[in-house]
């Protein structure tokens, strides 16, 4: 299908009022080399809009930047090579576009491999523009009165929670709120790095080797009844509660290990990010929109994983999560930094499974005045990283939708069959 989008030249949207200037320090996580200059792309698909929707959103964006004025700034390096934020008030990049295709033309964007990300994500400013803005948005009007917001944000300035908080503020202002419900908090000094760690983070590292395999996409829906059944089984066996993430992660990790036939003598590794906002002591204030996550790595023998019950694996995941505050504190205070064992950049192997949770970030709650998005679509990362993205299914379905790029073509049909039985 030929998908044609007509774009405007793009404009810079500054804060609607004057904002503070100066330089702000970033947190120990913000300055991670893996996040520096790394941009995250996501699409928000809306069924209904308005003739003036693009104008309303652009004006709300300008007003929100008064409160979130650091996002209108630019990254720069200090004389000591430290990444900082210059509050320049330059603004964010906004592109208005249109297409003659409708939601129905793309089955409400349900077929992820067919989604035209390149057409729906904002093009960067021209080469003579200067330093890239920290955020870019493209409003694409569809022929059915629906629209798509293509959103690109710099990972050095916020994580998914922070980006969603900002877009929710834009939505509230677009709906007529005088002030967003959540007031933004900078508070990066709450996540400081030791001098040795900060020095190590400034040193460039060679990129990890790229595996030669290519992974295939498949989406899997897990019903709310099935999720509740697994959670109830765990409670009956242990007398403990567990989360939806715990049972879903345990199940797909085990089923994937069965599918790819690792061999009992090999290790199976699960990696996911833990949100540290409420686990710090003291906890970060509501409204903090910087990066605040730490990787959890769970390693077992493939033989154990294949023979374990779902409850056994859930318990293992819960135990790993319970260690998060201590592990994070040790990393921040570290006096010895082993570049070969960086928890934020583990080597990519087919025996590893990375899980990213998008259900709690708040992207599915962004309402600009015409209802919630019917789809939230993060762009696929590199096709060699075995990843599962945990999302909510499109309404009216309830439960969990897994967007996955985690098996080779040779294992795809077996993986789908195994997960369908599950």
Protein backbone atom coordinates (compact mmCIF):
# COMPACT_ATOMS: atom_id res chain seq x y z
CA UNK A 1 0.00 0.00 0.00
CA UNK A 2 1.38 3.40 -0.97
CA UNK A 3 1.04 5.76 1.96
CA UNK A 4 1.47 9.44 1.11
CA UNK A 5 1.82 12.21 3.67
CA UNK A 6 1.97 15.91 2.85
CA UNK A 7 3.98 17.79 5.46
CA UNK A 8 4.24 21.47 6.28
CA UNK A 9 7.79 22.87 6.49
CA UNK A 10 7.70 22.64 10.28
CA UNK A 11 7.91 25.38 12.90
CA UNK A 12 9.67 25.93 16.18
CA UNK A 13 7.22 26.24 19.10
CA UNK A 14 8.73 28.24 21.99
CA UNK A 15 7.16 28.75 25.44
CA UNK A 16 4.25 31.20 25.28
CA UNK A 17 5.83 33.36 28.01
CA UNK A 18 9.37 34.24 29.03
CA UNK A 19 11.07 31.48 31.03
CA UNK A 20 14.17 31.20 33.23
CA UNK A 21 17.56 30.95 31.57
CA UNK A 22 20.77 29.34 32.78
CA UNK A 23 22.25 25.85 32.94
CA UNK A 24 20.86 22.83 34.78
CA UNK A 25 22.74 19.73 35.90
CA UNK A 26 21.43 16.34 34.86
CA UNK A 27 21.09 13.21 36.97
CA UNK A 28 23.41 10.21 37.02
CA UNK A 29 20.98 8.34 34.77
CA UNK A 30 20.37 11.24 32.37
CA UNK A 31 24.07 11.36 31.50
CA UNK A 32 24.38 7.65 30.69
CA UNK A 33 26.16 7.20 27.35
CA UNK A 34 23.40 4.84 26.21
CA UNK A 35 20.86 7.65 26.57
CA UNK A 36 22.90 10.57 25.26
CA UNK A 37 21.60 11.70 21.88
CA UNK A 38 19.25 8.70 21.89
CA UNK A 39 15.77 9.57 20.61
CA UNK A 40 12.64 7.51 21.32
CA UNK A 41 9.77 7.40 18.81
CA UNK A 42 6.12 6.66 19.53
CA UNK A 43 2.83 7.09 17.66
CA UNK A 44 -0.50 7.99 19.27
CA UNK A 45 -3.49 7.19 17.08
CA UNK A 46 -6.80 9.00 17.69
CA UNK A 47 -10.16 8.12 16.19
CA UNK A 48 -11.68 11.62 16.35
CA UNK A 49 -10.34 15.12 15.92
CA UNK A 50 -11.42 18.60 14.90
CA UNK A 51 -10.65 20.99 12.05
CA UNK A 52 -8.66 23.15 14.48
CA UNK A 53 -7.06 20.25 16.36
CA UNK A 54 -3.51 20.95 15.16
CA UNK A 55 -3.77 24.60 16.19
CA UNK A 56 -5.24 23.71 19.60
CA UNK A 57 -2.45 21.21 20.30
CA UNK A 58 0.29 23.57 19.11
CA UNK A 59 -0.97 26.39 21.37
CA UNK A 60 -1.30 24.01 24.33
CA UNK A 61 2.24 22.80 23.67
CA UNK A 62 3.52 26.37 23.84
CA UNK A 63 1.73 26.99 27.14
CA UNK A 64 2.94 23.71 28.67
CA UNK A 65 6.53 24.67 27.86
CA UNK A 66 6.25 27.61 30.26
CA UNK A 67 6.10 25.12 33.15
CA UNK A 68 8.33 22.55 31.45
CA UNK A 69 10.78 25.20 30.24
CA UNK A 70 13.86 22.91 30.41
CA UNK A 71 12.32 20.89 27.55
CA UNK A 72 12.52 24.01 25.38
CA UNK A 73 16.29 24.12 25.92
CA UNK A 74 19.23 22.29 24.38
CA UNK A 75 21.86 19.83 25.58
CA UNK A 76 25.44 21.01 25.79
CA UNK A 77 28.75 19.88 27.25
CA UNK A 78 30.51 21.78 30.01
CA UNK A 79 34.21 22.67 29.85
CA UNK A 80 34.81 19.45 31.83
CA UNK A 81 32.94 17.32 29.30
CA UNK A 82 29.82 16.88 31.43
CA UNK A 83 26.43 16.81 29.72
CA UNK A 84 24.21 19.68 30.89
CA UNK A 85 20.99 21.35 29.90
CA UNK A 86 21.04 24.95 28.69
CA UNK A 87 17.69 26.64 29.29
CA UNK A 88 17.58 28.62 26.05
CA UNK A 89 13.79 28.78 25.58
CA UNK A 90 14.21 27.90 21.90
CA UNK A 91 11.31 25.47 21.92
CA UNK A 92 10.31 22.16 20.33
CA UNK A 93 9.81 21.22 16.69
CA UNK A 94 6.24 20.91 15.36
CA UNK A 95 5.18 19.58 11.96
CA UNK A 96 1.62 19.59 10.61
CA UNK A 97 0.74 17.00 7.99
CA UNK A 98 -2.20 15.33 6.25
CA UNK A 99 -2.96 12.16 4.32
CA UNK A 100 -5.89 10.82 2.31
CA UNK A 101 -5.82 7.51 4.19
CA UNK A 102 -8.12 6.59 7.05
CA UNK A 103 -7.89 4.44 10.15
CA UNK A 104 -9.88 1.76 8.33
CA UNK A 105 -7.29 1.75 5.55
CA UNK A 106 -4.77 0.46 8.06
CA UNK A 107 -7.13 -1.63 10.17
CA UNK A 108 -6.70 0.93 12.94
CA UNK A 109 -2.92 0.38 12.70
CA UNK A 110 -3.33 -3.10 14.17
CA UNK A 111 -0.81 -4.67 11.78
CA UNK A 112 2.39 -3.28 13.30
CA UNK A 113 4.85 -4.30 10.54
CA UNK A 114 2.72 -2.33 8.05
CA UNK A 115 2.66 0.89 10.11
CA UNK A 116 4.41 3.68 8.11
CA UNK A 117 6.49 5.09 10.97
CA UNK A 118 8.75 7.10 8.66
CA UNK A 119 5.77 9.04 7.30
CA UNK A 120 4.07 9.63 10.64
CA UNK A 121 7.06 10.60 12.78
CA UNK A 122 8.31 14.20 12.60
CA UNK A 123 11.16 14.96 10.27
CA UNK A 124 14.07 16.74 11.99
CA UNK A 125 14.67 20.45 11.48
CA UNK A 126 16.82 21.48 8.48
CA UNK A 127 20.60 21.14 8.75
CA UNK A 128 21.11 24.87 9.27
CA UNK A 129 18.72 24.85 12.24
CA UNK A 130 21.40 24.23 14.85
CA UNK A 131 21.31 21.79 17.76
CA UNK A 132 18.39 19.36 17.65
CA UNK A 133 15.43 20.20 19.89
CA UNK A 134 14.75 17.82 22.75
CA UNK A 135 11.28 17.00 21.43
CA UNK A 136 9.63 16.83 18.03
CA UNK A 137 5.92 16.35 17.25
CA UNK A 138 4.04 15.70 14.03
CA UNK A 139 0.28 16.08 13.81
CA UNK A 140 -1.04 14.05 10.85
CA UNK A 141 -4.70 14.56 9.94
CA UNK A 142 -6.36 11.43 8.52
CA UNK A 143 -9.19 11.43 5.98
CA UNK A 144 -11.60 9.99 8.57
CA UNK A 145 -11.25 12.95 10.99
CA UNK A 146 -8.90 10.91 13.10
CA UNK A 147 -5.31 11.99 13.59
CA UNK A 148 -1.91 10.65 14.61
CA UNK A 149 0.58 12.34 16.91
CA UNK A 150 4.10 11.22 16.04
CA UNK A 151 6.29 12.02 19.04
CA UNK A 152 10.08 11.94 19.31
CA UNK A 153 11.89 12.74 22.55
CA UNK A 154 15.50 12.77 23.67
CA UNK A 155 16.06 10.05 26.26
CA UNK A 156 18.69 12.13 28.09
CA UNK A 157 16.01 14.51 29.31
CA UNK A 158 13.21 12.13 30.37
CA UNK A 159 12.07 8.52 30.39
CA UNK A 160 8.69 7.21 29.21
CA UNK A 161 7.01 8.28 32.46
CA UNK A 162 8.38 11.80 32.15
CA UNK A 163 7.51 12.13 28.45
CA UNK A 164 3.96 10.91 29.10
CA UNK A 165 3.62 13.34 32.02
CA UNK A 166 4.53 16.22 29.73
CA UNK A 167 2.12 15.15 26.95
CA UNK A 168 -0.66 14.68 29.50
CA UNK A 169 -0.03 18.27 30.63
CA UNK A 170 -0.34 19.42 27.00
CA UNK A 171 -3.60 17.48 26.73
CA UNK A 172 -5.02 19.02 29.90
CA UNK A 173 -4.20 22.53 28.71
CA UNK A 174 -5.73 21.74 25.30
CA UNK A 175 -8.92 20.72 27.16
CA UNK A 176 -9.07 24.05 28.98
CA UNK A 177 -7.21 23.41 32.24
CA UNK A 178 -5.51 26.54 33.53
CA UNK A 179 -2.76 24.42 35.08
CA UNK A 180 -1.88 20.73 34.61
CA UNK A 181 -2.96 18.40 37.37
CA UNK A 182 0.67 17.46 38.12
CA UNK A 183 3.22 20.24 38.62
CA UNK A 184 6.59 19.40 37.04
CA UNK A 185 9.62 18.88 39.31
CA UNK A 186 13.25 19.03 38.08
CA UNK A 187 14.88 17.51 41.21
CA UNK A 188 17.80 15.88 39.32
CA UNK A 189 20.07 16.40 42.33
CA UNK A 190 18.21 13.52 44.02
CA UNK A 191 20.06 11.05 41.76
CA UNK A 192 23.72 12.10 42.03
CA UNK A 193 26.67 10.01 40.90
CA UNK A 194 29.89 9.45 42.82
CA UNK A 195 32.85 11.34 41.37
CA UNK A 196 34.35 8.09 40.06
CA UNK A 197 31.10 6.96 38.47
CA UNK A 198 30.57 10.37 36.86
CA UNK A 199 34.09 10.22 35.43
CA UNK A 200 33.50 6.71 34.07
CA UNK A 201 30.25 7.76 32.43
CA UNK A 202 32.08 10.47 30.49
CA UNK A 203 34.46 7.96 28.90
CA UNK A 204 33.26 6.78 25.48
CA UNK A 205 32.86 3.04 25.13
CA UNK A 206 33.07 1.00 21.96
CA UNK A 207 29.67 -0.13 20.71
CA UNK A 208 28.78 -3.75 21.50
CA UNK A 209 29.01 -6.27 18.66
CA UNK A 210 25.87 -6.56 16.53
CA UNK A 211 24.47 -10.10 16.22
CA UNK A 212 23.97 -11.43 12.71
CA UNK A 213 20.43 -12.74 13.20
CA UNK A 214 17.16 -10.88 12.46
CA UNK A 215 14.08 -11.15 14.65
CA UNK A 216 10.47 -11.39 13.51
CA UNK A 217 7.51 -9.40 14.80
CA UNK A 218 4.46 -10.98 16.35
CA UNK A 219 1.73 -9.49 18.58
CA UNK A 220 0.11 -11.63 21.28
CA UNK A 221 -3.03 -10.82 23.26
CA UNK A 222 -3.48 -12.29 26.74
CA UNK A 223 -7.00 -11.99 28.13
CA UNK A 224 -7.76 -10.44 31.49
CA UNK A 225 -9.27 -13.77 32.58
CA UNK A 226 -5.99 -15.58 31.84
CA UNK A 227 -3.95 -12.96 33.70
CA UNK A 228 -6.26 -13.19 36.73
CA UNK A 229 -6.10 -16.98 36.62
CA UNK A 230 -2.29 -16.95 36.82
CA UNK A 231 -2.29 -14.38 39.62
CA UNK A 232 -4.85 -16.40 41.59
CA UNK A 233 -2.82 -19.59 41.11
CA UNK A 234 0.24 -17.88 42.54
CA UNK A 235 -1.73 -16.63 45.55
CA UNK A 236 -3.20 -20.07 46.21
CA UNK A 237 0.26 -21.68 46.14
CA UNK A 238 2.19 -19.06 48.10
CA UNK A 239 -0.30 -16.88 49.98
CA UNK A 240 1.39 -13.85 48.33
CA UNK A 241 0.13 -11.34 45.79
CA UNK A 242 1.93 -10.68 42.53
CA UNK A 243 1.56 -8.16 39.74
CA UNK A 244 0.33 -8.57 36.19
CA UNK A 245 3.89 -7.92 35.03
CA UNK A 246 5.22 -10.74 37.23
CA UNK A 247 2.98 -13.43 35.75
CA UNK A 248 3.20 -12.20 32.15
CA UNK A 249 7.01 -11.89 32.27
CA UNK A 250 7.36 -15.33 33.85
CA UNK A 251 5.10 -16.94 31.28
CA UNK A 252 6.59 -15.47 28.12
CA UNK A 253 10.16 -16.01 29.37
CA UNK A 254 9.49 -19.72 29.92
CA UNK A 255 7.50 -20.21 26.69
CA UNK A 256 10.18 -18.46 24.62
CA UNK A 257 12.89 -20.63 26.19
CA UNK A 258 10.89 -23.70 25.19
CA UNK A 259 10.54 -22.42 21.63
CA UNK A 260 14.16 -21.47 20.92
CA UNK A 261 15.55 -24.67 22.49
CA UNK A 262 18.46 -23.11 24.37
CA UNK A 263 19.74 -26.39 25.74
CA UNK A 264 19.68 -27.22 29.43
CA UNK A 265 23.37 -26.43 29.87
CA UNK A 266 22.96 -22.80 28.73
CA UNK A 267 21.86 -19.76 30.72
CA UNK A 268 18.59 -17.94 30.12
CA UNK A 269 18.58 -14.25 30.99
CA UNK A 270 15.68 -11.87 31.61
CA UNK A 271 16.29 -8.10 31.66
CA UNK A 272 13.74 -5.41 32.52
CA UNK A 273 13.81 -1.89 33.92
CA UNK A 274 12.53 -1.07 37.38
CA UNK A 275 10.96 2.34 38.05
CA UNK A 276 12.83 3.83 41.02
CA UNK A 277 10.57 6.83 41.73
CA UNK A 278 8.98 5.37 44.84
CA UNK A 279 11.91 3.14 45.79
CA UNK A 280 14.42 5.89 46.52
CA UNK A 281 14.86 7.07 50.09
CA UNK A 282 13.29 9.58 50.25
CA UNK A 283 11.01 8.91 47.27
CA UNK A 284 11.04 11.38 44.42
CA UNK A 285 8.19 13.91 44.44
CA UNK A 286 5.21 13.51 42.18
CA UNK A 287 5.94 15.45 39.04
CA UNK A 288 9.55 14.34 38.59
CA UNK A 289 9.98 13.86 34.86
CA UNK A 290 13.63 12.85 34.51
CA UNK A 291 15.02 9.38 33.96
CA UNK A 292 14.54 7.19 37.00
CA UNK A 293 15.00 3.51 36.21
CA UNK A 294 17.48 0.74 36.90
CA UNK A 295 17.92 -2.57 35.09
CA UNK A 296 17.00 -5.86 36.72
CA UNK A 297 18.85 -8.89 35.35
CA UNK A 298 17.69 -12.40 36.26
CA UNK A 299 19.92 -15.31 35.19
CA UNK A 300 19.10 -19.00 35.54
CA UNK A 301 20.04 -22.18 33.75
CA UNK A 302 17.81 -22.97 30.82
CA UNK A 303 17.17 -26.38 32.37
CA UNK A 304 15.80 -24.81 35.56
CA UNK A 305 13.61 -22.42 33.58
CA UNK A 306 12.08 -25.18 31.47
CA UNK A 307 11.30 -27.37 34.49
CA UNK A 308 10.12 -24.62 36.87
CA UNK A 309 6.48 -23.84 37.50
CA UNK A 310 5.10 -20.42 36.65
CA UNK A 311 4.92 -19.74 40.40
CA UNK A 312 8.63 -20.57 40.80
CA UNK A 313 9.57 -18.07 38.07
CA UNK A 314 7.23 -15.39 39.47
CA UNK A 315 8.91 -15.78 42.88
CA UNK A 316 12.33 -15.36 41.25
CA UNK A 317 11.21 -12.15 39.51
CA UNK A 318 9.65 -10.77 42.70
CA UNK A 319 12.87 -11.47 44.64
CA UNK A 320 14.94 -9.66 41.99
CA UNK A 321 12.63 -6.64 42.15
CA UNK A 322 12.91 -6.56 45.95
CA UNK A 323 16.68 -6.08 45.63
CA UNK A 324 16.29 -3.03 43.38
CA UNK A 325 16.78 -0.24 45.99
CA UNK A 326 19.97 -1.80 47.33
CA UNK A 327 21.40 -2.53 43.87
CA UNK A 328 20.64 1.00 42.68
CA UNK A 329 22.23 2.55 45.77
CA UNK A 330 25.38 0.44 45.29
CA UNK A 331 25.65 1.59 41.67
CA UNK A 332 25.29 5.28 42.55
CA UNK A 333 27.94 5.06 45.27
CA UNK A 334 30.26 2.79 43.34
CA UNK A 335 33.99 3.50 43.67
CA UNK A 336 34.88 0.71 41.27
CA UNK A 337 33.38 0.90 37.80
CA UNK A 338 33.83 -2.18 35.64
CA UNK A 339 33.28 -1.11 32.05
CA UNK A 340 32.77 -4.73 31.08
CA UNK A 341 29.84 -5.15 33.45
CA UNK A 342 27.73 -2.05 32.88
CA UNK A 343 24.16 -2.88 34.06
CA UNK A 344 22.70 -0.34 31.63
CA UNK A 345 24.33 -1.81 28.51
CA UNK A 346 24.28 -5.60 28.82
CA UNK A 347 25.53 -7.50 25.76
CA UNK A 348 22.81 -8.57 23.35
CA UNK A 349 22.49 -12.33 22.96
CA UNK A 350 19.71 -14.55 21.61
CA UNK A 351 19.57 -16.24 25.02
CA UNK A 352 18.47 -12.93 26.58
CA UNK A 353 14.97 -11.53 26.67
CA UNK A 354 14.39 -7.81 27.29
CA UNK A 355 10.96 -6.71 28.53
CA UNK A 356 9.76 -3.09 28.41
CA UNK A 357 6.51 -2.12 30.14
CA UNK A 358 4.41 0.68 28.59
CA UNK A 359 1.16 0.08 30.47
CA UNK A 360 1.98 2.27 33.47
CA UNK A 361 3.74 5.19 31.78
CA UNK A 362 0.52 7.06 30.96
CA UNK A 363 0.80 7.34 27.16
CA UNK A 364 -2.63 5.72 26.80
CA UNK A 365 -4.23 8.46 28.95
CA UNK A 366 -3.33 11.48 26.79
CA UNK A 367 -6.52 13.29 25.74
CA UNK A 368 -6.33 16.52 23.73
CA UNK A 369 -10.08 17.01 23.87
CA UNK A 370 -11.41 14.32 21.53
CA UNK A 371 -10.90 11.15 23.51
CA UNK A 372 -8.11 8.75 24.43
CA UNK A 373 -5.83 7.19 21.81
CA UNK A 374 -7.03 3.96 20.25
CA UNK A 375 -3.43 2.81 19.72
CA UNK A 376 -0.05 3.67 21.22
CA UNK A 377 2.75 2.34 19.04
CA UNK A 378 6.39 2.57 20.13
CA UNK A 379 8.70 2.20 17.17
CA UNK A 380 10.59 -1.05 16.95
CA UNK A 381 14.21 -0.82 18.02
CA UNK A 382 17.05 -2.74 16.38
CA UNK A 383 15.87 -6.02 14.87
CA UNK A 384 18.52 -8.03 16.75
CA UNK A 385 17.46 -7.17 20.33
CA UNK A 386 15.02 -9.83 21.64
CA UNK A 387 12.36 -7.62 23.18
CA UNK A 388 8.78 -7.79 24.43
CA UNK A 389 6.82 -4.56 24.87
CA UNK A 390 3.94 -4.94 27.34
CA UNK A 391 0.94 -2.80 26.39
CA UNK A 392 -2.79 -2.58 26.87
CA UNK A 393 -4.78 -3.95 23.92
CA UNK A 394 -6.85 -1.54 21.84
CA UNK A 395 -10.32 -0.92 23.33
CA UNK A 396 -12.71 -2.52 23.97
CA UNK A 397 -10.39 -5.46 24.65
CA UNK A 398 -9.08 -5.94 28.17
CA UNK A 399 -5.94 -7.70 29.29
CA UNK A 400 -2.42 -7.43 27.88
CA UNK A 401 -1.01 -7.06 24.39
CA UNK A 402 2.60 -8.10 23.83
CA UNK A 403 4.42 -6.51 20.91
CA UNK A 404 7.43 -8.74 20.35
CA UNK A 405 10.59 -8.98 18.29
CA UNK A 406 12.13 -11.88 20.14
CA UNK A 407 12.42 -14.96 17.90
CA UNK A 408 14.13 -15.80 14.62
CA UNK A 409 12.06 -16.75 11.60
CA UNK A 410 12.82 -20.44 12.15
CA UNK A 411 11.18 -20.24 15.59
CA UNK A 412 8.28 -17.93 14.74
CA UNK A 413 5.51 -20.45 14.00
CA UNK A 414 6.38 -22.57 17.04
CA UNK A 415 6.45 -19.49 19.25
CA UNK A 416 3.04 -18.31 18.02
CA UNK A 417 1.57 -21.79 18.52
CA UNK A 418 2.98 -22.04 22.05
CA UNK A 419 1.73 -18.61 23.04
CA UNK A 420 -1.71 -19.23 21.53
CA UNK A 421 -2.04 -22.36 23.62
CA UNK A 422 -1.05 -20.30 26.65
